[in-house]
């Protein structure tokens, strides 16, 4: 029953912003295309596998995290759409689940296109099994990233602060984690820091899926499970706090 309501909400969110959906999907591919062309021209070939992993992680993490944080902050604090959904019988968790499903559907074309662009521009070749496993893993990253962004979006009362924080915080998450490079090039202190970042486990999961390495894939997904669980707890606290304080 809850899943049915969530699907209706997801459809409503997609249709109510369908014009921006097409723009968003197109815009989300511009950066990967330019980045891949640049890597093809000046990138060090020995780091090719990290370029691939980093590009997939970037697409799977950046769009849903920033999108969920900013969308939910605006919906919750400065839009009537959240109120309309809530007043028509949807509870907070229906809306949360509906938004996450909406983000999965929104990001899926970008991830699939990114994998095709990787093979076309960088000249790498993957089997159908590798592509399918990587696509499924990337969707798990989208889910985890959406939950992280959702928790930030409804956890901070000032949506303008959320907009700024969501854009700033992504850079250390991508640059301090071994996403575009091996962890061995980091100083020892930063290696320890990187172990606390969700993007480290996203990169590990994607690398494991492309290499069809079950252990790497499992460790990466386990790390994402921890962060997703923490995000759900934060979101739950923010929802309860909002219900109590109004």
C-alpha atoms as a PDB file:
ATOM      1  CA  UNK A   1       0.000   0.000   0.000  1.00  0.00           C
ATOM      2  CA  UNK A   2       2.770   2.422   0.945  1.00  0.00           C
ATOM      3  CA  UNK A   3       4.710   1.460  -2.190  1.00  0.00           C
ATOM      4  CA  UNK A   4       1.625   2.198  -4.292  1.00  0.00           C
ATOM      5  CA  UNK A   5       1.286   5.675  -2.768  1.00  0.00           C
ATOM      6  CA  UNK A   6       5.003   6.227  -3.255  1.00  0.00           C
ATOM      7  CA  UNK A   7       4.727   5.377  -6.964  1.00  0.00           C
ATOM      8  CA  UNK A   8       1.857   7.844  -7.350  1.00  0.00           C
ATOM      9  CA  UNK A   9       3.920  10.547  -5.622  1.00  0.00           C
ATOM     10  CA  UNK A  10       6.922   9.706  -7.789  1.00  0.00           C
ATOM     11  CA  UNK A  11       4.791  10.044 -10.921  1.00  0.00           C
ATOM     12  CA  UNK A  12       3.410  13.353  -9.669  1.00  0.00           C
ATOM     13  CA  UNK A  13       6.910  14.726  -8.996  1.00  0.00           C
ATOM     14  CA  UNK A  14       8.140  13.658 -12.426  1.00  0.00           C
ATOM     15  CA  UNK A  15       5.128  15.064 -14.278  1.00  0.00           C
ATOM     16  CA  UNK A  16       5.027  18.305 -12.300  1.00  0.00           C
ATOM     17  CA  UNK A  17       8.610  19.045 -13.357  1.00  0.00           C
ATOM     18  CA  UNK A  18       8.814  17.095 -16.615  1.00  0.00           C
ATOM     19  CA  UNK A  19      10.235  20.062 -18.498  1.00  0.00           C
ATOM     20  CA  UNK A  20      13.161  20.233 -16.100  1.00  0.00           C
ATOM     21  CA  UNK A  21      13.596  16.452 -16.235  1.00  0.00           C
ATOM     22  CA  UNK A  22      14.616  16.586 -19.907  1.00  0.00           C
ATOM     23  CA  UNK A  23      16.891  19.560 -19.266  1.00  0.00           C
ATOM     24  CA  UNK A  24      18.376  17.897 -16.192  1.00  0.00           C
ATOM     25  CA  UNK A  25      19.162  14.608 -17.919  1.00  0.00           C
ATOM     26  CA  UNK A  26      20.770  16.447 -20.839  1.00  0.00           C
ATOM     27  CA  UNK A  27      22.754  18.775 -18.583  1.00  0.00           C
ATOM     28  CA  UNK A  28      23.939  15.864 -16.439  1.00  0.00           C
ATOM     29  CA  UNK A  29      25.748  14.417 -19.467  1.00  0.00           C
ATOM     30  CA  UNK A  30      27.606  17.578 -20.486  1.00  0.00           C
ATOM     31  CA  UNK A  31      30.128  17.392 -17.648  1.00  0.00           C
ATOM     32  CA  UNK A  32      30.926  13.656 -18.123  1.00  0.00           C
ATOM     33  CA  UNK A  33      31.422  14.170 -21.869  1.00  0.00           C
ATOM     34  CA  UNK A  34      33.827  17.088 -21.394  1.00  0.00           C
ATOM     35  CA  UNK A  35      35.584  15.296 -18.535  1.00  0.00           C
ATOM     36  CA  UNK A  36      36.016  12.073 -20.491  1.00  0.00           C
ATOM     37  CA  UNK A  37      37.356  13.907 -23.541  1.00  0.00           C
ATOM     38  CA  UNK A  38      39.855  15.715 -21.308  1.00  0.00           C
ATOM     39  CA  UNK A  39      40.958  12.458 -19.682  1.00  0.00           C
ATOM     40  CA  UNK A  40      41.295  10.860 -23.092  1.00  0.00           C
ATOM     41  CA  UNK A  41      43.620  13.656 -24.238  1.00  0.00           C
ATOM     42  CA  UNK A  42      45.777  14.348 -21.158  1.00  0.00           C
ATOM     43  CA  UNK A  43      44.974  11.599 -18.649  1.00  0.00           C
ATOM     44  CA  UNK A  44      47.573   9.085 -17.515  1.00  0.00           C
ATOM     45  CA  UNK A  45      46.622   5.709 -19.068  1.00  0.00           C
ATOM     46  CA  UNK A  46      47.683   3.801 -15.947  1.00  0.00           C
ATOM     47  CA  UNK A  47      44.817   5.451 -14.056  1.00  0.00           C
ATOM     48  CA  UNK A  48      42.225   4.611 -16.710  1.00  0.00           C
ATOM     49  CA  UNK A  49      40.242   2.270 -14.442  1.00  0.00           C
ATOM     50  CA  UNK A  50      40.023   5.024 -11.814  1.00  0.00           C
ATOM     51  CA  UNK A  51      38.802   7.510 -14.418  1.00  0.00           C
ATOM     52  CA  UNK A  52      36.025   5.061 -15.270  1.00  0.00           C
ATOM     53  CA  UNK A  53      35.111   4.432 -11.636  1.00  0.00           C
ATOM     54  CA  UNK A  54      35.263   8.144 -10.772  1.00  0.00           C
ATOM     55  CA  UNK A  55      33.009   9.160 -13.649  1.00  0.00           C
ATOM     56  CA  UNK A  56      30.353   6.577 -12.737  1.00  0.00           C
ATOM     57  CA  UNK A  57      30.523   7.532  -9.050  1.00  0.00           C
ATOM     58  CA  UNK A  58      30.328  11.223  -9.934  1.00  0.00           C
ATOM     59  CA  UNK A  59      27.141  10.710 -11.961  1.00  0.00           C
ATOM     60  CA  UNK A  60      25.577   8.329  -9.431  1.00  0.00           C
ATOM     61  CA  UNK A  61      26.404  10.469  -6.390  1.00  0.00           C
ATOM     62  CA  UNK A  62      26.452  14.137  -7.386  1.00  0.00           C
ATOM     63  CA  UNK A  63      23.063  14.419  -9.106  1.00  0.00           C
ATOM     64  CA  UNK A  64      20.946  12.599  -6.491  1.00  0.00           C
ATOM     65  CA  UNK A  65      22.747  14.062  -3.467  1.00  0.00           C
ATOM     66  CA  UNK A  66      22.567  17.717  -4.524  1.00  0.00           C
ATOM     67  CA  UNK A  67      19.164  17.229  -6.151  1.00  0.00           C
ATOM     68  CA  UNK A  68      17.616  15.547  -3.111  1.00  0.00           C
ATOM     69  CA  UNK A  69      19.086  18.046  -0.632  1.00  0.00           C
ATOM     70  CA  UNK A  70      17.982  21.129  -2.562  1.00  0.00           C
ATOM     71  CA  UNK A  71      14.643  19.743  -3.755  1.00  0.00           C
ATOM     72  CA  UNK A  72      13.542  18.540  -0.325  1.00  0.00           C
ATOM     73  CA  UNK A  73      14.730  21.729   1.402  1.00  0.00           C
ATOM     74  CA  UNK A  74      12.656  23.755  -1.060  1.00  0.00           C
ATOM     75  CA  UNK A  75       9.654  21.407  -1.016  1.00  0.00           C
ATOM     76  CA  UNK A  76       9.589  21.304   2.778  1.00  0.00           C
ATOM     77  CA  UNK A  77      10.223  24.981   3.484  1.00  0.00           C
ATOM     78  CA  UNK A  78       9.319  27.093   0.467  1.00  0.00           C
ATOM     79  CA  UNK A  79       6.852  25.177  -1.738  1.00  0.00           C
ATOM     80  CA  UNK A  80       3.187  24.235  -1.545  1.00  0.00           C
ATOM     81  CA  UNK A  81       3.701  20.844  -3.217  1.00  0.00           C
ATOM     82  CA  UNK A  82       4.743  19.130   0.018  1.00  0.00           C
ATOM     83  CA  UNK A  83       1.668  20.527   1.766  1.00  0.00           C
ATOM     84  CA  UNK A  84      -0.565  19.409  -1.101  1.00  0.00           C
ATOM     85  CA  UNK A  85       0.781  15.863  -0.918  1.00  0.00           C
ATOM     86  CA  UNK A  86       0.502  15.747   2.879  1.00  0.00           C
ATOM     87  CA  UNK A  87      -3.014  17.180   2.967  1.00  0.00           C
ATOM     88  CA  UNK A  88      -4.157  14.568   0.427  1.00  0.00           C
ATOM     89  CA  UNK A  89      -3.304  11.635   2.674  1.00  0.00           C
ATOM     90  CA  UNK A  90       0.400  11.001   2.060  1.00  0.00           C
ATOM     91  CA  UNK A  91       2.508  10.861   5.197  1.00  0.00           C
ATOM     92  CA  UNK A  92       6.140  11.951   5.471  1.00  0.00           C
ATOM     93  CA  UNK A  93       7.495   8.478   4.689  1.00  0.00           C
ATOM     94  CA  UNK A  94       5.254   8.133   1.622  1.00  0.00           C
ATOM     95  CA  UNK A  95       6.702  11.397   0.320  1.00  0.00           C
ATOM     96  CA  UNK A  96      10.260  10.323   1.192  1.00  0.00           C
ATOM     97  CA  UNK A  97       9.895   6.976  -0.575  1.00  0.00           C
ATOM     98  CA  UNK A  98       8.176   8.608  -3.532  1.00  0.00           C
ATOM     99  CA  UNK A  99      10.952  11.135  -3.893  1.00  0.00           C
ATOM    100  CA  UNK A 100      13.653   8.454  -3.767  1.00  0.00           C
ATOM    101  CA  UNK A 101      11.858   6.426  -6.462  1.00  0.00           C
ATOM    102  CA  UNK A 102      11.514   9.602  -8.520  1.00  0.00           C
ATOM    103  CA  UNK A 103      15.269  10.209  -8.202  1.00  0.00           C
ATOM    104  CA  UNK A 104      16.078   6.622  -9.230  1.00  0.00           C
ATOM    105  CA  UNK A 105      13.969   7.006 -12.380  1.00  0.00           C
ATOM    106  CA  UNK A 106      15.443  10.430 -13.079  1.00  0.00           C
ATOM    107  CA  UNK A 107      19.077   9.313 -12.752  1.00  0.00           C
ATOM    108  CA  UNK A 108      18.846   5.934 -14.514  1.00  0.00           C
ATOM    109  CA  UNK A 109      19.137   7.372 -18.083  1.00  0.00           C
ATOM    110  CA  UNK A 110      22.163   9.458 -17.061  1.00  0.00           C
ATOM    111  CA  UNK A 111      23.980   6.445 -15.597  1.00  0.00           C
ATOM    112  CA  UNK A 112      23.233   4.223 -18.588  1.00  0.00           C
ATOM    113  CA  UNK A 113      24.371   6.976 -20.979  1.00  0.00           C
ATOM    114  CA  UNK A 114      27.539   7.531 -18.931  1.00  0.00           C
ATOM    115  CA  UNK A 115      28.500   3.862 -19.220  1.00  0.00           C
ATOM    116  CA  UNK A 116      28.008   3.991 -22.994  1.00  0.00           C
ATOM    117  CA  UNK A 117      30.045   7.207 -23.219  1.00  0.00           C
ATOM    118  CA  UNK A 118      32.848   5.617 -21.205  1.00  0.00           C
ATOM    119  CA  UNK A 119      33.155   2.788 -23.692  1.00  0.00           C
ATOM    120  CA  UNK A 120      32.907   5.097 -26.699  1.00  0.00           C
ATOM    121  CA  UNK A 121      35.269   7.886 -25.584  1.00  0.00           C
ATOM    122  CA  UNK A 122      37.839   6.037 -23.482  1.00  0.00           C
ATOM    123  CA  UNK A 123      37.819   2.927 -25.655  1.00  0.00           C
ATOM    124  CA  UNK A 124      37.198   0.527 -22.762  1.00  0.00           C
ATOM    125  CA  UNK A 125      35.170  -2.638 -23.281  1.00  0.00           C
ATOM    126  CA  UNK A 126      32.894  -4.360 -20.798  1.00  0.00           C
ATOM    127  CA  UNK A 127      30.715  -7.424 -21.090  1.00  0.00           C
ATOM    128  CA  UNK A 128      26.935  -7.288 -20.766  1.00  0.00           C
ATOM    129  CA  UNK A 129      27.233  -8.827 -17.291  1.00  0.00           C
ATOM    130  CA  UNK A 130      29.687  -6.130 -16.164  1.00  0.00           C
ATOM    131  CA  UNK A 131      27.466  -3.359 -17.487  1.00  0.00           C
ATOM    132  CA  UNK A 132      24.320  -4.774 -15.863  1.00  0.00           C
ATOM    133  CA  UNK A 133      26.009  -5.364 -12.485  1.00  0.00           C
ATOM    134  CA  UNK A 134      27.549  -1.878 -12.579  1.00  0.00           C
ATOM    135  CA  UNK A 135      24.211  -0.321 -13.485  1.00  0.00           C
ATOM    136  CA  UNK A 136      22.513  -2.059 -10.550  1.00  0.00           C
ATOM    137  CA  UNK A 137      25.341  -1.025  -8.218  1.00  0.00           C
ATOM    138  CA  UNK A 138      25.086   2.564  -9.440  1.00  0.00           C
ATOM    139  CA  UNK A 139      21.364   2.556  -8.635  1.00  0.00           C
ATOM    140  CA  UNK A 140      22.224   1.474  -5.079  1.00  0.00           C
ATOM    141  CA  UNK A 141      24.581   4.470  -4.931  1.00  0.00           C
ATOM    142  CA  UNK A 142      21.756   6.699  -6.190  1.00  0.00           C
ATOM    143  CA  UNK A 143      19.539   5.330  -3.422  1.00  0.00           C
ATOM    144  CA  UNK A 144      22.177   5.945  -0.751  1.00  0.00           C
ATOM    145  CA  UNK A 145      23.021   9.410  -2.124  1.00  0.00           C
ATOM    146  CA  UNK A 146      19.344  10.373  -2.277  1.00  0.00           C
ATOM    147  CA  UNK A 147      18.896   9.351   1.359  1.00  0.00           C
ATOM    148  CA  UNK A 148      21.966  11.373   2.371  1.00  0.00           C
ATOM    149  CA  UNK A 149      20.651  14.384   0.478  1.00  0.00           C
ATOM    150  CA  UNK A 150      17.120  13.882   1.806  1.00  0.00           C
ATOM    151  CA  UNK A 151      18.393  13.837   5.394  1.00  0.00           C
ATOM    152  CA  UNK A 152      20.327  17.056   4.781  1.00  0.00           C
ATOM    153  CA  UNK A 153      17.390  18.694   3.000  1.00  0.00           C
ATOM    154  CA  UNK A 154      14.846  18.192   5.753  1.00  0.00           C
ATOM    155  CA  UNK A 155      17.329  18.278   8.627  1.00  0.00           C
ATOM    156  CA  UNK A 156      18.345  21.933   8.099  1.00  0.00           C
ATOM    157  CA  UNK A 157      15.561  24.449   8.616  1.00  0.00           C
ATOM    158  CA  UNK A 158      17.018  27.190   6.402  1.00  0.00           C
ATOM    159  CA  UNK A 159      16.775  25.911   2.831  1.00  0.00           C
ATOM    160  CA  UNK A 160      19.205  28.550   1.555  1.00  0.00           C
ATOM    161  CA  UNK A 161      21.904  27.129   3.829  1.00  0.00           C
ATOM    162  CA  UNK A 162      21.093  23.645   2.519  1.00  0.00           C
ATOM    163  CA  UNK A 163      21.566  24.834  -1.068  1.00  0.00           C
ATOM    164  CA  UNK A 164      25.034  26.163  -0.260  1.00  0.00           C
ATOM    165  CA  UNK A 165      26.167  23.276   1.940  1.00  0.00           C
ATOM    166  CA  UNK A 166      25.036  20.609  -0.542  1.00  0.00           C
ATOM    167  CA  UNK A 167      27.239  22.113  -3.258  1.00  0.00           C
ATOM    168  CA  UNK A 168      30.294  22.732  -1.080  1.00  0.00           C
ATOM    169  CA  UNK A 169      30.346  19.388   0.751  1.00  0.00           C
ATOM    170  CA  UNK A 170      30.468  17.314  -2.446  1.00  0.00           C
ATOM    171  CA  UNK A 171      33.987  18.453  -3.363  1.00  0.00           C
ATOM    172  CA  UNK A 172      35.824  17.090  -0.300  1.00  0.00           C
ATOM    173  CA  UNK A 173      33.689  13.956  -0.563  1.00  0.00           C
ATOM    174  CA  UNK A 174      34.956  13.398  -4.111  1.00  0.00           C
ATOM    175  CA  UNK A 175      38.506  14.748  -3.794  1.00  0.00           C
ATOM    176  CA  UNK A 176      39.509  13.290  -0.417  1.00  0.00           C
ATOM    177  CA  UNK A 177      38.177   9.831  -1.241  1.00  0.00           C
ATOM    178  CA  UNK A 178      40.019   7.466  -3.623  1.00  0.00           C
ATOM    179  CA  UNK A 179      37.470   7.968  -6.393  1.00  0.00           C
ATOM    180  CA  UNK A 180      39.609   9.194  -9.304  1.00  0.00           C
ATOM    181  CA  UNK A 181      42.885   7.778  -8.005  1.00  0.00           C
ATOM    182  CA  UNK A 182      44.172   4.844  -5.903  1.00  0.00           C
ATOM    183  CA  UNK A 183      44.194   5.214  -2.133  1.00  0.00           C
ATOM    184  CA  UNK A 184      47.925   4.453  -2.092  1.00  0.00           C
ATOM    185  CA  UNK A 185      48.819   7.944  -3.354  1.00  0.00           C
ATOM    186  CA  UNK A 186      47.183   9.576  -0.318  1.00  0.00           C
ATOM    187  CA  UNK A 187      49.229  10.450   2.794  1.00  0.00           C
ATOM    188  CA  UNK A 188      48.570   8.115   5.703  1.00  0.00           C
ATOM    189  CA  UNK A 189      46.470  10.681   7.587  1.00  0.00           C
ATOM    190  CA  UNK A 190      44.193  11.259   4.586  1.00  0.00           C
ATOM    191  CA  UNK A 191      43.828   7.518   4.056  1.00  0.00           C
ATOM    192  CA  UNK A 192      42.249   7.287   7.489  1.00  0.00           C
ATOM    193  CA  UNK A 193      39.991  10.235   6.678  1.00  0.00           C
ATOM    194  CA  UNK A 194      38.924   8.636   3.400  1.00  0.00           C
ATOM    195  CA  UNK A 195      37.749   5.515   5.235  1.00  0.00           C
ATOM    196  CA  UNK A 196      35.060   7.637   6.894  1.00  0.00           C
ATOM    197  CA  UNK A 197      33.701   9.021   3.605  1.00  0.00           C
ATOM    198  CA  UNK A 198      30.717   7.407   1.819  1.00  0.00           C
ATOM    199  CA  UNK A 199      32.264   8.084  -1.598  1.00  0.00           C
ATOM    200  CA  UNK A 200      35.128   5.703  -0.739  1.00  0.00           C
ATOM    201  CA  UNK A 201      32.652   2.839  -0.515  1.00  0.00           C
ATOM    202  CA  UNK A 202      30.828   3.998  -3.640  1.00  0.00           C
ATOM    203  CA  UNK A 203      34.099   3.783  -5.583  1.00  0.00           C
ATOM    204  CA  UNK A 204      34.861   0.403  -4.038  1.00  0.00           C
ATOM    205  CA  UNK A 205      31.443  -0.937  -5.061  1.00  0.00           C
ATOM    206  CA  UNK A 206      31.731   0.340  -8.639  1.00  0.00           C
ATOM    207  CA  UNK A 207      35.269  -1.025  -9.007  1.00  0.00           C
ATOM    208  CA  UNK A 208      34.076  -4.372  -7.697  1.00  0.00           C
ATOM    209  CA  UNK A 209      31.160  -4.466 -10.128  1.00  0.00           C
ATOM    210  CA  UNK A 210      33.300  -3.575 -13.155  1.00  0.00           C
ATOM    211  CA  UNK A 211      35.961  -6.112 -12.164  1.00  0.00           C
ATOM    212  CA  UNK A 212      33.285  -8.635 -11.102  1.00  0.00           C
ATOM    213  CA  UNK A 213      35.059  -8.867  -7.748  1.00  0.00           C
ATOM    214  CA  UNK A 214      32.467 -10.086  -5.190  1.00  0.00           C
ATOM    215  CA  UNK A 215      34.527  -9.110  -2.114  1.00  0.00           C
ATOM    216  CA  UNK A 216      35.087  -5.505  -3.240  1.00  0.00           C
ATOM    217  CA  UNK A 217      31.448  -5.222  -4.264  1.00  0.00           C
ATOM    218  CA  UNK A 218      30.265  -6.598  -0.914  1.00  0.00           C
ATOM    219  CA  UNK A 219      32.509  -4.273   1.133  1.00  0.00           C
ATOM    220  CA  UNK A 220      31.388  -1.274  -0.882  1.00  0.00           C
ATOM    221  CA  UNK A 221      27.704  -2.114  -0.539  1.00  0.00           C
ATOM    222  CA  UNK A 222      28.161  -2.784   3.183  1.00  0.00           C
ATOM    223  CA  UNK A 223      29.611   0.700   3.655  1.00  0.00           C
ATOM    224  CA  UNK A 224      26.713   2.201   1.714  1.00  0.00           C
ATOM    225  CA  UNK A 225      24.260   0.296   3.911  1.00  0.00           C
ATOM    226  CA  UNK A 226      25.764   1.906   7.004  1.00  0.00           C
ATOM    227  CA  UNK A 227      25.462   5.413   5.559  1.00  0.00           C
ATOM    228  CA  UNK A 228      21.951   4.781   4.246  1.00  0.00           C
ATOM    229  CA  UNK A 229      20.843   3.543   7.671  1.00  0.00           C
ATOM    230  CA  UNK A 230      22.341   6.628   9.317  1.00  0.00           C
ATOM    231  CA  UNK A 231      20.550   8.855   6.782  1.00  0.00           C
ATOM    232  CA  UNK A 232      17.210   7.199   7.534  1.00  0.00           C
ATOM    233  CA  UNK A 233      17.732   7.763  11.262  1.00  0.00           C
ATOM    234  CA  UNK A 234      18.595  11.438  10.660  1.00  0.00           C
ATOM    235  CA  UNK A 235      15.544  11.858   8.421  1.00  0.00           C
ATOM    236  CA  UNK A 236      13.346  10.177  11.029  1.00  0.00           C
ATOM    237  CA  UNK A 237      14.619  12.523  13.728  1.00  0.00           C
ATOM    238  CA  UNK A 238      14.034  15.575  11.487  1.00  0.00           C
ATOM    239  CA  UNK A 239      10.481  14.427  10.677  1.00  0.00           C
ATOM    240  CA  UNK A 240       9.621  13.812  14.347  1.00  0.00           C
ATOM    241  CA  UNK A 241      11.181  17.134  15.339  1.00  0.00           C
ATOM    242  CA  UNK A 242       9.103  18.894  12.670  1.00  0.00           C
ATOM    243  CA  UNK A 243       5.905  17.238  13.822  1.00  0.00           C
ATOM    244  CA  UNK A 244       6.558  18.232  17.426  1.00  0.00           C
ATOM    245  CA  UNK A 245       7.703  21.793  16.795  1.00  0.00           C
ATOM    246  CA  UNK A 246       5.605  22.387  13.695  1.00  0.00           C
END
